[in-house]
Amino acid sequence: MNRPEGAAADLPPGVDAPVFAEPWQAEAFALTVALHDKGLFSWNEWADALSAQVKKPNAAADGRDYYEHWLAALENLLASKGLAAKSDVDAMAHAWERAAHATPHGKPILLENDPTGQDQASR
């Protein structure tokens, strides 16, 4: 079986596969740590929020959707603490999605690329 270059089997001995499958997962992780460090929530609050998400009946048994649950837990925690309303988070996510679709391949995705300019209203 031919494996793509860079597959986990090609890693040097003693080096595990990357923790994050995609950059957004690392960003969600870093954002959670940064918000905790700012004192916006405790680790117990975070653990409760994440636990509630991963225990949902629709969670994949193999954990492949772990970071989707991570992100949902963060969004719910921020909303429950009055730090970011779900509608604001959703509006910003849609702005980023529009910006991604409007960005030429190979170029960095910037919120300014949102063709509707609706990101300005949520800042």
Protein backbone atom coordinates (compact mmCIF):
# COMPACT_ATOMS: atom_id res chain seq x y z
CA MET A 1 0.00 0.00 0.00
CA ASN A 2 1.41 3.38 -0.95
CA ARG A 3 1.13 5.96 1.78
CA PRO A 4 1.13 9.67 1.06
CA GLU A 5 4.39 11.35 1.97
CA GLY A 6 4.16 12.76 5.46
CA ALA A 7 1.75 10.08 6.67
CA ALA A 8 2.10 9.03 10.29
CA ALA A 9 3.96 5.87 9.26
CA ASP A 10 6.69 8.06 7.70
CA LEU A 11 7.43 9.90 10.94
CA PRO A 12 10.75 9.19 12.64
CA PRO A 13 10.71 6.64 15.47
CA GLY A 14 9.45 8.15 18.70
CA VAL A 15 7.50 10.93 16.98
CA ASP A 16 3.73 10.65 17.23
CA ALA A 17 1.27 11.79 14.59
CA PRO A 18 0.29 15.45 14.78
CA VAL A 19 -2.21 16.28 17.52
CA PHE A 20 -4.23 18.54 15.23
CA ALA A 21 -5.51 17.32 11.89
CA GLU A 22 -6.26 20.86 10.69
CA PRO A 23 -5.05 24.35 11.60
CA TRP A 24 -8.46 25.47 12.92
CA GLN A 25 -8.24 22.78 15.59
CA ALA A 26 -4.97 24.19 16.90
CA GLU A 27 -6.46 27.68 16.80
CA ALA A 28 -9.52 26.59 18.79
CA PHE A 29 -7.24 24.93 21.33
CA ALA A 30 -5.02 28.03 21.62
CA LEU A 31 -8.05 30.33 21.90
CA THR A 32 -9.44 28.24 24.75
CA VAL A 33 -6.14 28.37 26.62
CA ALA A 34 -5.81 32.13 26.04
CA LEU A 35 -9.36 32.84 27.24
CA HIS A 36 -8.75 30.75 30.35
CA ASP A 37 -5.47 32.58 30.97
CA LYS A 38 -7.42 35.86 30.80
CA GLY A 39 -9.62 34.54 33.62
CA LEU A 40 -12.81 34.29 31.58
CA PHE A 41 -13.54 30.78 32.82
CA SER A 42 -12.02 28.14 35.08
CA TRP A 43 -10.70 24.78 33.97
CA ASN A 44 -13.60 23.15 35.84
CA GLU A 45 -16.07 25.22 33.82
CA TRP A 46 -14.24 24.26 30.64
CA ALA A 47 -14.16 20.56 31.56
CA ASP A 48 -17.90 20.61 32.26
CA ALA A 49 -18.65 22.36 28.95
CA LEU A 50 -16.49 19.99 26.91
CA SER A 51 -17.76 16.93 28.73
CA ALA A 52 -21.36 17.90 27.97
CA GLN A 53 -20.52 18.06 24.27
CA VAL A 54 -18.57 14.83 23.91
CA LYS A 55 -21.25 12.90 25.84
CA LYS A 56 -23.95 13.89 23.34
CA PRO A 57 -25.53 10.90 21.58
CA ASN A 58 -24.38 12.11 18.15
CA ALA A 59 -20.67 12.06 19.11
CA ALA A 60 -18.55 9.73 16.98
CA ALA A 61 -17.40 6.68 18.92
CA ASP A 62 -13.89 6.97 17.43
CA GLY A 63 -13.50 10.62 18.46
CA ARG A 64 -12.99 11.95 14.94
CA ASP A 65 -15.35 14.84 15.75
CA TYR A 66 -13.58 15.77 19.00
CA TYR A 67 -12.60 19.26 17.90
CA GLU A 68 -16.08 19.99 16.54
CA HIS A 69 -17.27 19.28 20.09
CA TRP A 70 -14.40 21.35 21.45
CA LEU A 71 -15.51 24.33 19.36
CA ALA A 72 -19.17 23.86 20.30
CA ALA A 73 -18.21 23.72 23.98
CA LEU A 74 -16.25 26.95 23.66
CA GLU A 75 -19.09 28.70 21.86
CA ASN A 76 -21.62 27.52 24.46
CA LEU A 77 -19.40 28.52 27.36
CA LEU A 78 -18.83 32.00 25.95
CA ALA A 79 -22.57 32.41 25.36
CA SER A 80 -23.52 31.17 28.84
CA LYS A 81 -21.11 33.65 30.40
CA GLY A 82 -22.46 36.51 28.28
CA LEU A 83 -19.13 36.97 26.50
CA ALA A 84 -20.29 36.21 22.95
CA ALA A 85 -23.86 35.65 21.88
CA LYS A 86 -24.49 32.66 19.62
CA SER A 87 -25.86 35.00 16.96
CA ASP A 88 -22.60 37.01 17.02
CA VAL A 89 -20.49 33.86 16.78
CA ASP A 90 -22.65 32.59 13.91
CA ALA A 91 -22.43 35.94 12.08
CA MET A 92 -18.65 35.95 12.39
CA ALA A 93 -18.41 32.33 11.21
CA HIS A 94 -20.51 33.19 8.15
CA ALA A 95 -18.30 36.20 7.43
CA TRP A 96 -15.20 33.99 7.55
CA GLU A 97 -16.87 31.44 5.30
CA ARG A 98 -17.76 34.11 2.75
CA ALA A 99 -14.21 35.45 2.95
CA ALA A 100 -12.82 31.95 2.38
CA HIS A 101 -14.96 31.46 -0.72
CA ALA A 102 -13.92 34.88 -2.05
CA THR A 103 -10.19 34.31 -1.49
CA PRO A 104 -8.12 33.08 -4.44
CA HIS A 105 -6.54 29.66 -3.98
CA GLY A 106 -3.19 29.84 -2.25
CA LYS A 107 -3.79 33.28 -0.75
CA PRO A 108 -4.36 33.87 2.98
CA ILE A 109 -7.98 34.10 4.05
CA LEU A 110 -8.64 37.53 5.50
CA LEU A 111 -11.89 38.72 6.99
CA GLU A 112 -11.62 41.81 4.78
CA ASN A 113 -12.24 39.45 1.83
CA ASP A 114 -15.88 39.02 2.89
CA PRO A 115 -17.61 40.46 -0.18
CA THR A 116 -20.62 41.62 1.83
CA GLY A 117 -18.53 43.56 4.31
CA GLN A 118 -20.82 42.27 7.07
CA ASP A 119 -17.86 41.54 9.31
CA GLN A 120 -17.70 45.26 10.09
CA ALA A 121 -21.08 45.15 11.86
CA SER A 122 -19.95 42.50 14.33
CA ARG A 123 -16.70 44.18 15.38
